[in-house]
Amino acid sequence: MGCSLTEASTTVPACLYQATVSPLSNLLLFSLLLITFQPSSFIVFDSSNSSWIRSDPANQPSPCLNLSPRRTSSSAAGVMTIAEINESHAPLELAIETQQTAWKINQRPKDLDNDQLLQVPLTKPPIKSITLRFPHGKEVVARNLKGLTIGDALSAIHKANKNRADDELDNPYLKGFAWDQGENYFEVHLQSQPATGSSSGGGGGKKKKKSKDNDE
């Protein structure tokens, strides 16, 4: 049975819809149809029903850029950066609970006896991130777009000290943090013995002169 194609033809002959052909034959047939039909249309093979179909670009929607809204930040409302705190001269209060952890810096924070401290906000108002500077100049960064907690700060400190043995740490226990207006970091204060309550000279607010003992 024969099958003919003409330039006036506007539909694919029925014999082509029903044909089952090899991949090479498909390619040859596709080339033939491109030549035969008018330039404004093209033929594609529909694998769902094993048939050739004609597509007219004039009736197809033109491609466009994806103009969907950009994903918004996951930061919570009211959470500031330390730069915004300094620029606005807003007061920043460090959590007094940081002086009550009795935490050794090479210990996992989740092993704290009072692990509820980990959920306490590190500052008021909350901030997204802060550099934590150790007495000898080493720095780590704690981050949480929803607002830093004491747990976030302890995790950042632990990450830098988890492989250090106890005898490598002169002052292994966290005493607290200190900050002065205009600075973009918190000082980490350490001491030789654990502290479970407020102590003078140490970290939950403004910087003070170091005492003459071995605490840092």
N, C-alpha and C. Protein backbone atom coordinates (compact mmCIF):
# COMPACT_ATOMS: atom_id res chain seq x y z
N MET A 1 0.84 -1.20 0.00
CA MET A 1 0.00 0.00 0.00
C MET A 1 0.87 1.24 0.00
N GLY A 2 0.61 2.17 -0.91
CA GLY A 2 1.46 3.34 -1.04
C GLY A 2 1.06 4.44 -0.09
N CYS A 3 1.94 5.41 0.04
CA CYS A 3 1.70 6.54 0.93
C CYS A 3 2.40 7.75 0.35
N SER A 4 1.67 8.82 0.01
CA SER A 4 2.26 9.98 -0.65
C SER A 4 2.14 11.21 0.22
N LEU A 5 3.09 12.14 0.03
CA LEU A 5 3.12 13.40 0.76
C LEU A 5 3.16 14.54 -0.24
N THR A 6 2.43 15.57 -0.04
CA THR A 6 2.44 16.74 -0.92
C THR A 6 2.63 17.98 -0.09
N GLU A 7 3.09 19.08 -0.75
CA GLU A 7 3.33 20.34 -0.05
C GLU A 7 2.04 20.92 0.50
N ALA A 8 0.89 20.60 -0.16
CA ALA A 8 -0.39 21.14 0.30
C ALA A 8 -0.91 20.38 1.51
N SER A 9 -0.31 19.29 1.78
CA SER A 9 -0.80 18.44 2.86
C SER A 9 -0.71 19.18 4.20
N THR A 10 -1.76 19.11 5.01
CA THR A 10 -1.77 19.80 6.32
C THR A 10 -1.84 18.84 7.48
N THR A 11 -1.98 17.56 7.16
CA THR A 11 -2.03 16.55 8.23
C THR A 11 -1.09 15.43 7.88
N VAL A 12 -0.66 14.70 8.87
CA VAL A 12 0.23 13.56 8.64
C VAL A 12 -0.61 12.41 8.11
N PRO A 13 -0.20 11.77 7.02
CA PRO A 13 -0.96 10.64 6.45
C PRO A 13 -1.20 9.58 7.50
N ALA A 14 -2.38 8.95 7.40
CA ALA A 14 -2.77 7.93 8.39
C ALA A 14 -1.79 6.79 8.43
N CYS A 15 -1.19 6.48 7.29
CA CYS A 15 -0.26 5.35 7.28
C CYS A 15 0.94 5.62 8.17
N LEU A 16 1.32 6.93 8.36
CA LEU A 16 2.46 7.25 9.20
C LEU A 16 2.11 7.13 10.68
N TYR A 17 0.85 7.41 11.03
CA TYR A 17 0.43 7.29 12.42
C TYR A 17 0.49 5.84 12.89
N GLN A 18 0.20 4.93 11.97
CA GLN A 18 0.08 3.54 12.33
C GLN A 18 1.37 2.77 12.13
N ALA A 19 2.36 3.41 11.58
CA ALA A 19 3.59 2.69 11.26
C ALA A 19 4.40 2.42 12.51
N THR A 20 4.96 1.24 12.57
CA THR A 20 5.91 0.88 13.63
C THR A 20 7.25 0.73 12.95
N VAL A 21 8.18 1.64 13.26
CA VAL A 21 9.43 1.70 12.51
C VAL A 21 10.61 1.66 13.45
N SER A 22 11.78 1.37 12.89
CA SER A 22 13.01 1.32 13.67
C SER A 22 13.48 2.74 13.97
N PRO A 23 14.39 2.92 14.96
CA PRO A 23 14.91 4.27 15.25
C PRO A 23 15.50 4.97 14.05
N LEU A 24 16.22 4.21 13.18
CA LEU A 24 16.80 4.83 11.99
C LEU A 24 15.71 5.28 11.03
N SER A 25 14.69 4.46 10.90
CA SER A 25 13.58 4.84 10.03
C SER A 25 12.87 6.06 10.57
N ASN A 26 12.74 6.12 11.90
CA ASN A 26 12.12 7.30 12.52
C ASN A 26 12.88 8.57 12.15
N LEU A 27 14.21 8.52 12.21
CA LEU A 27 15.02 9.68 11.89
C LEU A 27 14.85 10.09 10.44
N LEU A 28 14.85 9.11 9.52
CA LEU A 28 14.69 9.40 8.10
C LEU A 28 13.31 9.97 7.83
N LEU A 29 12.31 9.39 8.46
CA LEU A 29 10.96 9.87 8.27
C LEU A 29 10.78 11.27 8.82
N PHE A 30 11.39 11.54 9.96
CA PHE A 30 11.31 12.87 10.56
C PHE A 30 11.92 13.92 9.63
N SER A 31 13.08 13.59 9.03
CA SER A 31 13.74 14.51 8.10
C SER A 31 12.87 14.77 6.88
N LEU A 32 12.23 13.70 6.38
CA LEU A 32 11.38 13.84 5.21
C LEU A 32 10.19 14.74 5.49
N LEU A 33 9.60 14.57 6.65
CA LEU A 33 8.43 15.37 6.98
C LEU A 33 8.78 16.84 7.18
N LEU A 34 9.98 17.10 7.73
CA LEU A 34 10.42 18.49 7.90
C LEU A 34 10.53 19.20 6.57
N ILE A 35 10.99 18.47 5.56
CA ILE A 35 11.15 19.04 4.22
C ILE A 35 9.79 19.22 3.55
N THR A 36 8.90 18.25 3.77
CA THR A 36 7.63 18.23 3.06
C THR A 36 6.67 19.29 3.55
N PHE A 37 6.53 19.42 4.87
CA PHE A 37 5.54 20.35 5.41
C PHE A 37 6.09 21.78 5.42
N GLN A 38 5.17 22.72 5.51
CA GLN A 38 5.56 24.12 5.46
C GLN A 38 6.48 24.47 6.63
N PRO A 39 7.38 25.44 6.44
CA PRO A 39 8.39 25.77 7.44
C PRO A 39 7.81 26.22 8.77
N SER A 40 6.56 26.70 8.74
CA SER A 40 5.99 27.21 9.98
C SER A 40 5.54 26.10 10.92
N SER A 41 5.64 24.84 10.49
CA SER A 41 5.23 23.74 11.34
C SER A 41 6.33 22.70 11.40
N PHE A 42 6.25 21.83 12.38
CA PHE A 42 7.22 20.75 12.48
C PHE A 42 6.53 19.53 13.06
N ILE A 43 7.19 18.38 12.86
CA ILE A 43 6.63 17.10 13.27
C ILE A 43 7.42 16.55 14.44
N VAL A 44 6.71 16.05 15.42
CA VAL A 44 7.35 15.41 16.57
C VAL A 44 6.74 14.04 16.76
N PHE A 45 7.51 13.14 17.31
CA PHE A 45 7.05 11.77 17.54
C PHE A 45 6.52 11.65 18.96
N ASP A 46 5.27 11.24 19.09
CA ASP A 46 4.62 11.07 20.39
C ASP A 46 4.81 9.63 20.84
N SER A 47 5.72 9.43 21.80
CA SER A 47 6.03 8.08 22.24
C SER A 47 4.90 7.44 23.04
N SER A 48 3.95 8.25 23.52
CA SER A 48 2.87 7.70 24.34
C SER A 48 1.92 6.84 23.52
N ASN A 49 1.76 7.20 22.23
CA ASN A 49 0.88 6.38 21.37
C ASN A 49 1.58 5.96 20.08
N SER A 50 2.93 6.09 20.07
CA SER A 50 3.75 5.64 18.92
C SER A 50 3.26 6.25 17.61
N SER A 51 3.09 7.55 17.61
CA SER A 51 2.61 8.19 16.38
C SER A 51 3.32 9.51 16.18
N TRP A 52 3.28 10.01 14.94
CA TRP A 52 3.83 11.31 14.62
C TRP A 52 2.73 12.35 14.70
N ILE A 53 3.05 13.52 15.27
CA ILE A 53 2.06 14.59 15.36
C ILE A 53 2.68 15.87 14.84
N ARG A 54 1.81 16.74 14.34
CA ARG A 54 2.27 18.01 13.79
C ARG A 54 2.10 19.11 14.85
N SER A 55 3.12 19.96 14.98
CA SER A 55 3.07 21.05 15.94
C SER A 55 3.29 22.35 15.21
N ASP A 56 2.47 23.33 15.49
CA ASP A 56 2.56 24.64 14.85
C ASP A 56 3.09 25.65 15.85
N PRO A 57 4.35 26.12 15.68
CA PRO A 57 4.93 27.09 16.63
C PRO A 57 4.12 28.36 16.78
N ALA A 58 3.35 28.71 15.72
CA ALA A 58 2.58 29.95 15.79
C ALA A 58 1.51 29.88 16.86
N ASN A 59 1.07 28.66 17.15
CA ASN A 59 0.01 28.49 18.14
C ASN A 59 0.54 28.09 19.51
N GLN A 60 1.86 28.07 19.65
CA GLN A 60 2.45 27.68 20.91
C GLN A 60 2.81 28.93 21.72
N PRO A 61 2.63 28.88 23.02
CA PRO A 61 3.03 30.04 23.85
C PRO A 61 4.53 30.22 23.82
N SER A 62 4.96 31.48 23.73
CA SER A 62 6.39 31.75 23.70
C SER A 62 7.00 31.52 25.07
N PRO A 63 8.22 31.01 25.09
CA PRO A 63 8.87 30.80 26.39
C PRO A 63 9.10 32.12 27.10
N CYS A 64 9.04 32.07 28.42
CA CYS A 64 9.25 33.29 29.20
C CYS A 64 10.11 32.97 30.40
N LEU A 65 10.63 34.03 30.98
CA LEU A 65 11.47 33.86 32.16
C LEU A 65 10.63 33.46 33.35
N ASN A 66 11.23 32.72 34.24
CA ASN A 66 10.56 32.35 35.48
C ASN A 66 10.56 33.56 36.41
N LEU A 67 9.40 34.18 36.52
CA LEU A 67 9.30 35.39 37.31
C LEU A 67 8.66 35.14 38.66
N SER A 68 8.73 33.88 39.12
CA SER A 68 8.16 33.56 40.43
C SER A 68 8.92 34.30 41.51
N PRO A 69 8.25 34.68 42.58
CA PRO A 69 8.91 35.45 43.63
C PRO A 69 10.11 34.72 44.21
N ARG A 70 11.15 35.48 44.48
CA ARG A 70 12.34 34.90 45.08
C ARG A 70 12.03 34.42 46.48
N ARG A 71 12.60 33.29 46.82
CA ARG A 71 12.35 32.73 48.14
C ARG A 71 12.81 33.71 49.22
N THR A 72 11.91 33.95 50.13
CA THR A 72 12.23 34.90 51.19
C THR A 72 13.15 34.29 52.22
N SER A 73 13.83 35.16 52.96
CA SER A 73 14.75 34.70 53.99
C SER A 73 13.99 34.02 55.10
N SER A 74 14.64 33.04 55.72
CA SER A 74 14.01 32.31 56.81
C SER A 74 14.25 32.98 58.16
N SER A 75 14.82 34.17 58.14
CA SER A 75 15.08 34.86 59.39
C SER A 75 13.75 35.33 60.00
N ALA A 76 13.70 35.32 61.31
CA ALA A 76 12.48 35.69 62.02
C ALA A 76 12.39 37.20 62.19
N ALA A 77 11.16 37.67 62.35
CA ALA A 77 10.95 39.11 62.55
C ALA A 77 11.57 39.54 63.88
N GLY A 78 12.17 40.71 63.86
CA GLY A 78 12.75 41.24 65.09
C GLY A 78 14.18 40.81 65.36
N VAL A 79 14.71 39.91 64.52
CA VAL A 79 16.09 39.45 64.69
C VAL A 79 17.01 40.41 63.95
N MET A 80 18.00 40.93 64.65
CA MET A 80 18.88 41.95 64.09
C MET A 80 20.28 41.39 63.83
N THR A 81 21.08 42.17 63.14
CA THR A 81 22.49 41.86 63.00
C THR A 81 23.27 42.71 64.00
N ILE A 82 24.49 42.29 64.31
CA ILE A 82 25.29 43.08 65.25
C ILE A 82 25.61 44.45 64.66
N ALA A 83 25.70 44.51 63.33
CA ALA A 83 25.95 45.81 62.68
C ALA A 83 24.77 46.75 62.90
N GLU A 84 23.56 46.23 62.81
CA GLU A 84 22.37 47.06 63.03
C GLU A 84 22.31 47.54 64.48
N ILE A 85 22.72 46.67 65.40
CA ILE A 85 22.75 47.06 66.81
C ILE A 85 23.70 48.24 67.00
N ASN A 86 24.88 48.13 66.42
CA ASN A 86 25.89 49.18 66.58
C ASN A 86 25.48 50.48 65.89
N GLU A 87 24.89 50.36 64.69
CA GLU A 87 24.52 51.56 63.94
C GLU A 87 23.41 52.34 64.64
N SER A 88 22.49 51.60 65.25
CA SER A 88 21.36 52.25 65.92
C SER A 88 21.65 52.58 67.38
N HIS A 89 22.82 52.12 67.86
CA HIS A 89 23.18 52.30 69.27
C HIS A 89 22.14 51.70 70.22
N ALA A 90 21.49 50.66 69.73
CA ALA A 90 20.48 49.99 70.55
C ALA A 90 21.17 49.21 71.68
N PRO A 91 20.53 49.12 72.82
CA PRO A 91 21.10 48.33 73.91
C PRO A 91 21.06 46.84 73.58
N LEU A 92 22.07 46.13 74.00
CA LEU A 92 22.12 44.69 73.78
C LEU A 92 22.46 44.02 75.11
N GLU A 93 21.61 43.11 75.51
CA GLU A 93 21.77 42.43 76.80
C GLU A 93 22.15 40.97 76.57
N LEU A 94 23.24 40.53 77.18
CA LEU A 94 23.66 39.14 77.09
C LEU A 94 22.97 38.34 78.18
N ALA A 95 22.59 37.13 77.87
CA ALA A 95 21.88 36.29 78.83
C ALA A 95 22.75 35.96 80.03
N ILE A 96 22.23 36.23 81.22
CA ILE A 96 22.96 35.95 82.45
C ILE A 96 23.17 34.44 82.62
N GLU A 97 22.34 33.64 81.93
CA GLU A 97 22.45 32.18 82.03
C GLU A 97 23.77 31.65 81.46
N THR A 98 24.45 32.46 80.64
CA THR A 98 25.74 32.00 80.11
C THR A 98 26.77 31.84 81.21
N GLN A 99 26.52 32.44 82.37
CA GLN A 99 27.44 32.32 83.50
C GLN A 99 27.07 31.14 84.41
N GLN A 100 26.05 30.39 84.02
CA GLN A 100 25.54 29.34 84.89
C GLN A 100 25.59 27.95 84.25
N THR A 101 26.41 27.79 83.24
CA THR A 101 26.40 26.53 82.49
C THR A 101 27.25 25.44 83.11
N ALA A 102 28.32 25.82 83.83
CA ALA A 102 29.29 24.84 84.35
C ALA A 102 29.77 23.94 83.20
N TRP A 103 29.98 24.56 82.07
CA TRP A 103 30.28 23.80 80.83
C TRP A 103 31.75 23.84 80.48
N LYS A 104 32.28 22.66 80.15
CA LYS A 104 33.65 22.53 79.68
C LYS A 104 33.64 22.60 78.16
N ILE A 105 34.52 23.42 77.58
CA ILE A 105 34.42 23.75 76.16
C ILE A 105 34.74 22.61 75.20
N ASN A 106 35.31 21.51 75.71
CA ASN A 106 35.51 20.34 74.84
C ASN A 106 34.43 19.30 75.07
N GLN A 107 33.40 19.66 75.80
CA GLN A 107 32.27 18.78 76.08
C GLN A 107 31.12 19.11 75.13
N ARG A 108 30.35 18.09 74.72
CA ARG A 108 29.21 18.35 73.85
C ARG A 108 28.16 19.15 74.61
N PRO A 109 27.64 20.21 74.02
CA PRO A 109 26.64 21.02 74.72
C PRO A 109 25.43 20.22 75.17
N LYS A 110 25.03 19.24 74.37
CA LYS A 110 23.82 18.48 74.73
C LYS A 110 24.02 17.60 75.95
N ASP A 111 25.26 17.47 76.43
CA ASP A 111 25.53 16.70 77.63
C ASP A 111 25.43 17.54 78.90
N LEU A 112 25.05 18.79 78.76
CA LEU A 112 24.86 19.62 79.94
C LEU A 112 23.82 19.01 80.88
N ASP A 113 24.06 19.13 82.17
CA ASP A 113 23.08 18.65 83.14
C ASP A 113 21.75 19.39 82.97
N ASN A 114 21.85 20.70 82.76
CA ASN A 114 20.66 21.52 82.54
C ASN A 114 20.60 21.89 81.06
N ASP A 115 20.13 20.96 80.24
CA ASP A 115 20.15 21.21 78.81
C ASP A 115 19.09 22.21 78.37
N GLN A 116 18.20 22.62 79.27
CA GLN A 116 17.22 23.64 78.92
C GLN A 116 17.89 25.00 78.68
N LEU A 117 19.09 25.17 79.21
CA LEU A 117 19.83 26.41 78.98
C LEU A 117 20.14 26.61 77.50
N LEU A 118 20.24 25.51 76.76
CA LEU A 118 20.61 25.61 75.35
C LEU A 118 19.57 26.37 74.53
N GLN A 119 18.33 26.39 74.98
CA GLN A 119 17.25 27.04 74.24
C GLN A 119 17.08 28.51 74.63
N VAL A 120 17.80 28.96 75.62
CA VAL A 120 17.68 30.35 76.07
C VAL A 120 18.32 31.28 75.03
N PRO A 121 17.62 32.36 74.63
CA PRO A 121 18.23 33.32 73.68
C PRO A 121 19.55 33.86 74.23
N LEU A 122 20.53 33.94 73.37
CA LEU A 122 21.85 34.43 73.79
C LEU A 122 21.80 35.91 74.13
N THR A 123 21.00 36.67 73.40
CA THR A 123 20.94 38.11 73.59
C THR A 123 19.51 38.61 73.56
N LYS A 124 19.34 39.81 74.01
CA LYS A 124 18.07 40.51 73.91
C LYS A 124 18.37 41.94 73.46
N PRO A 125 17.91 42.34 72.26
CA PRO A 125 17.14 41.58 71.27
C PRO A 125 17.97 40.47 70.62
N PRO A 126 17.31 39.51 69.99
CA PRO A 126 18.05 38.42 69.35
C PRO A 126 18.84 38.91 68.14
N ILE A 127 19.95 38.24 67.88
CA ILE A 127 20.79 38.58 66.72
C ILE A 127 21.02 37.32 65.88
N LYS A 128 21.36 37.54 64.60
CA LYS A 128 21.49 36.44 63.66
C LYS A 128 22.82 35.70 63.77
N SER A 129 23.88 36.43 64.07
CA SER A 129 25.20 35.80 64.13
C SER A 129 26.13 36.67 64.95
N ILE A 130 27.20 36.05 65.44
CA ILE A 130 28.20 36.81 66.20
C ILE A 130 29.53 36.06 66.16
N THR A 131 30.60 36.82 66.08
CA THR A 131 31.94 36.25 66.20
C THR A 131 32.27 36.12 67.68
N LEU A 132 32.79 34.97 68.06
CA LEU A 132 33.19 34.72 69.44
C LEU A 132 34.71 34.66 69.49
N ARG A 133 35.32 35.56 70.22
CA ARG A 133 36.78 35.68 70.25
C ARG A 133 37.32 35.15 71.58
N PHE A 134 38.26 34.20 71.47
CA PHE A 134 38.89 33.62 72.65
C PHE A 134 40.01 34.53 73.17
N PRO A 135 40.44 34.32 74.41
CA PRO A 135 41.48 35.19 75.00
C PRO A 135 42.75 35.30 74.16
N HIS A 136 43.12 34.21 73.46
CA HIS A 136 44.37 34.22 72.70
C HIS A 136 44.16 34.59 71.23
N GLY A 137 42.99 35.11 70.90
CA GLY A 137 42.78 35.65 69.56
C GLY A 137 42.02 34.75 68.60
N LYS A 138 41.86 33.48 68.90
CA LYS A 138 41.13 32.58 68.01
C LYS A 138 39.67 32.99 67.97
N GLU A 139 39.04 32.82 66.81
CA GLU A 139 37.65 33.23 66.65
C GLU A 139 36.82 32.13 66.02
N VAL A 140 35.57 32.04 66.42
CA VAL A 140 34.57 31.17 65.80
C VAL A 140 33.31 32.01 65.59
N VAL A 141 32.43 31.54 64.73
CA VAL A 141 31.21 32.29 64.45
C VAL A 141 30.00 31.42 64.76
N ALA A 142 29.07 31.96 65.50
CA ALA A 142 27.80 31.29 65.78
C ALA A 142 26.72 31.94 64.92
N ARG A 143 25.84 31.12 64.31
CA ARG A 143 24.80 31.64 63.41
C ARG A 143 23.46 30.98 63.68
N ASN A 144 22.42 31.76 63.57
CA ASN A 144 21.05 31.26 63.61
C ASN A 144 20.15 32.39 63.14
N LEU A 145 19.59 32.28 61.93
CA LEU A 145 18.79 33.35 61.36
C LEU A 145 17.52 33.62 62.16
N LYS A 146 17.12 32.67 62.98
CA LYS A 146 15.93 32.86 63.80
C LYS A 146 16.26 33.45 65.16
N GLY A 147 17.55 33.71 65.39
CA GLY A 147 17.97 34.28 66.66
C GLY A 147 18.88 33.33 67.41
N LEU A 148 20.08 33.79 67.75
CA LEU A 148 21.05 32.93 68.43
C LEU A 148 20.57 32.52 69.81
N THR A 149 20.83 31.26 70.14
CA THR A 149 20.58 30.75 71.48
C THR A 149 21.92 30.47 72.16
N ILE A 150 21.86 30.22 73.46
CA ILE A 150 23.08 29.81 74.16
C ILE A 150 23.63 28.53 73.53
N GLY A 151 22.74 27.63 73.12
CA GLY A 151 23.17 26.39 72.47
C GLY A 151 23.94 26.63 71.19
N ASP A 152 23.55 27.64 70.41
CA ASP A 152 24.27 27.96 69.17
C ASP A 152 25.69 28.41 69.48
N ALA A 153 25.84 29.25 70.51
CA ALA A 153 27.17 29.74 70.88
C ALA A 153 28.03 28.60 71.40
N LEU A 154 27.46 27.74 72.23
CA LEU A 154 28.23 26.62 72.78
C LEU A 154 28.63 25.64 71.68
N SER A 155 27.75 25.42 70.72
CA SER A 155 28.07 24.50 69.62
C SER A 155 29.24 25.03 68.79
N ALA A 156 29.27 26.34 68.53
CA ALA A 156 30.37 26.93 67.76
C ALA A 156 31.68 26.81 68.53
N ILE A 157 31.64 27.03 69.84
CA ILE A 157 32.85 26.91 70.66
C ILE A 157 33.31 25.46 70.71
N HIS A 158 32.36 24.55 70.88
CA HIS A 158 32.71 23.13 70.97
C HIS A 158 33.34 22.61 69.68
N LYS A 159 32.83 23.08 68.55
CA LYS A 159 33.37 22.63 67.26
C LYS A 159 34.85 22.93 67.14
N ALA A 160 35.29 24.04 67.75
CA ALA A 160 36.71 24.43 67.68
C ALA A 160 37.56 23.74 68.75
N ASN A 161 36.93 23.09 69.72
CA ASN A 161 37.69 22.54 70.85
C ASN A 161 37.40 21.06 71.13
N LYS A 162 36.56 20.42 70.32
CA LYS A 162 36.13 19.06 70.63
C LYS A 162 37.26 18.04 70.59
N ASN A 163 38.32 18.32 69.87
CA ASN A 163 39.42 17.36 69.77
C ASN A 163 40.56 17.67 70.74
N ARG A 164 40.36 18.62 71.62
CA ARG A 164 41.39 18.98 72.59
C ARG A 164 41.18 18.21 73.89
N ALA A 165 42.27 17.65 74.41
CA ALA A 165 42.20 16.91 75.67
C ALA A 165 42.11 17.88 76.84
N ASP A 166 41.65 17.38 77.97
CA ASP A 166 41.51 18.24 79.15
C ASP A 166 42.83 18.89 79.56
N ASP A 167 43.93 18.13 79.43
CA ASP A 167 45.21 18.68 79.88
C ASP A 167 45.76 19.74 78.91
N GLU A 168 45.10 19.93 77.78
CA GLU A 168 45.50 20.98 76.85
C GLU A 168 44.81 22.29 77.16
N LEU A 169 43.86 22.27 78.06
CA LEU A 169 43.06 23.46 78.37
C LEU A 169 43.41 23.98 79.75
N ASP A 170 44.05 25.15 79.79
CA ASP A 170 44.39 25.76 81.07
C ASP A 170 43.14 26.19 81.83
N ASN A 171 42.21 26.76 81.10
CA ASN A 171 40.94 27.21 81.67
C ASN A 171 39.82 26.64 80.82
N PRO A 172 39.36 25.46 81.15
CA PRO A 172 38.46 24.75 80.26
C PRO A 172 36.98 25.09 80.40
N TYR A 173 36.61 25.86 81.41
CA TYR A 173 35.19 26.10 81.67
C TYR A 173 34.75 27.49 81.20
N LEU A 174 33.56 27.54 80.64
CA LEU A 174 33.01 28.81 80.20
C LEU A 174 32.60 29.65 81.40
N LYS A 175 33.07 30.86 81.42
CA LYS A 175 32.69 31.81 82.47
C LYS A 175 31.59 32.76 82.00
N GLY A 176 31.60 33.04 80.72
CA GLY A 176 30.57 33.91 80.15
C GLY A 176 31.09 34.66 78.95
N PHE A 177 30.36 35.70 78.53
CA PHE A 177 30.73 36.52 77.39
C PHE A 177 30.70 37.99 77.78
N ALA A 178 31.44 38.81 77.04
CA ALA A 178 31.43 40.25 77.27
C ALA A 178 31.43 40.97 75.93
N TRP A 179 30.83 42.15 75.94
CA TRP A 179 30.70 42.94 74.70
C TRP A 179 30.66 44.41 75.04
N ASP A 180 31.26 45.23 74.19
CA ASP A 180 31.18 46.68 74.30
C ASP A 180 30.50 47.24 73.07
N GLN A 181 29.70 48.27 73.25
CA GLN A 181 29.00 48.92 72.14
C GLN A 181 29.99 49.31 71.05
N GLY A 182 29.64 48.99 69.82
CA GLY A 182 30.49 49.32 68.69
C GLY A 182 31.34 48.16 68.20
N GLU A 183 31.49 47.12 69.01
CA GLU A 183 32.29 45.96 68.60
C GLU A 183 31.39 44.93 67.92
N ASN A 184 31.98 44.17 66.98
CA ASN A 184 31.21 43.19 66.24
C ASN A 184 31.53 41.76 66.69
N TYR A 185 31.99 41.61 67.91
CA TYR A 185 32.29 40.29 68.45
C TYR A 185 32.03 40.28 69.95
N PHE A 186 31.89 39.06 70.50
CA PHE A 186 31.82 38.87 71.94
C PHE A 186 33.12 38.24 72.41
N GLU A 187 33.62 38.70 73.53
CA GLU A 187 34.77 38.05 74.14
C GLU A 187 34.30 36.82 74.90
N VAL A 188 35.03 35.72 74.73
CA VAL A 188 34.74 34.50 75.47
C VAL A 188 35.60 34.50 76.73
N HIS A 189 34.97 34.42 77.89
CA HIS A 189 35.69 34.38 79.15
C HIS A 189 35.70 32.94 79.67
N LEU A 190 36.89 32.47 80.03
CA LEU A 190 37.07 31.10 80.52
C LEU A 190 37.63 31.13 81.93
N GLN A 191 37.48 30.00 82.62
CA GLN A 191 38.03 29.89 83.97
C GLN A 191 38.39 28.43 84.24
N SER A 192 39.15 28.23 85.33
CA SER A 192 39.69 26.90 85.63
C SER A 192 38.67 25.99 86.30
N GLN A 193 37.67 26.55 86.95
CA GLN A 193 36.67 25.76 87.66
C GLN A 193 35.28 26.08 87.13
N PRO A 194 34.37 25.13 87.19
CA PRO A 194 33.01 25.39 86.70
C PRO A 194 32.28 26.38 87.58
N ALA A 195 31.45 27.17 86.97
CA ALA A 195 30.63 28.13 87.70
C ALA A 195 29.16 27.80 87.45
N THR A 196 28.37 27.84 88.49
CA THR A 196 26.95 27.51 88.35
C THR A 196 26.06 28.68 88.71
N GLY A 197 26.65 29.84 88.92
CA GLY A 197 25.86 31.01 89.26
C GLY A 197 26.57 32.26 88.82
N SER A 198 25.98 33.41 89.10
CA SER A 198 26.58 34.69 88.69
C SER A 198 27.89 34.91 89.41
N SER A 199 28.85 35.46 88.70
CA SER A 199 30.14 35.76 89.30
C SER A 199 30.60 37.12 88.82
N SER A 200 31.33 37.81 89.62
CA SER A 200 31.78 39.15 89.24
C SER A 200 32.96 39.08 88.30
N GLY A 201 33.08 40.10 87.47
CA GLY A 201 34.23 40.23 86.59
C GLY A 201 34.17 39.37 85.39
N GLY A 202 33.11 38.68 85.17
CA GLY A 202 33.10 37.78 84.08
C GLY A 202 32.12 37.87 83.01
N GLY A 203 31.44 37.57 82.36
CA GLY A 203 30.77 37.71 81.18
C GLY A 203 29.33 37.71 81.14
N GLY A 204 28.51 38.42 81.22
CA GLY A 204 27.13 38.50 80.87
C GLY A 204 26.81 39.91 80.59
N GLY A 205 27.79 40.75 80.26
CA GLY A 205 27.52 42.14 79.98
C GLY A 205 28.73 42.87 79.46
N LYS A 206 28.96 44.06 79.99
CA LYS A 206 30.07 44.88 79.52
C LYS A 206 31.40 44.31 79.98
N LYS A 207 32.44 44.64 79.22
CA LYS A 207 33.78 44.18 79.58
C LYS A 207 34.26 44.83 80.86
N LYS A 208 35.02 44.05 81.61
CA LYS A 208 35.64 44.59 82.83
C LYS A 208 37.09 44.15 82.84
N LYS A 209 37.88 44.83 83.63
CA LYS A 209 39.29 44.49 83.70
C LYS A 209 39.45 43.09 84.26
N LYS A 210 40.43 42.37 83.71
CA LYS A 210 40.68 41.01 84.17
C LYS A 210 41.20 41.02 85.60
N SER A 211 40.73 40.04 86.35
CA SER A 211 41.21 39.93 87.72
C SER A 211 42.63 39.39 87.74
N LYS A 212 43.26 39.43 88.86
CA LYS A 212 44.65 39.01 88.96
C LYS A 212 44.81 37.51 89.12
N ASP A 213 43.69 36.77 89.16
CA ASP A 213 43.84 35.32 89.27
C ASP A 213 44.03 34.74 87.87
N ASN A 214 43.89 33.44 87.74
CA ASN A 214 44.19 32.78 86.48
C ASN A 214 43.00 32.74 85.53
N ASP A 215 41.88 33.32 85.95
CA ASP A 215 40.72 33.31 85.08
C ASP A 215 40.98 34.20 83.88
N GLU A 216 40.33 33.83 82.75
CA GLU A 216 40.49 34.61 81.51
C GLU A 216 39.13 35.14 81.10
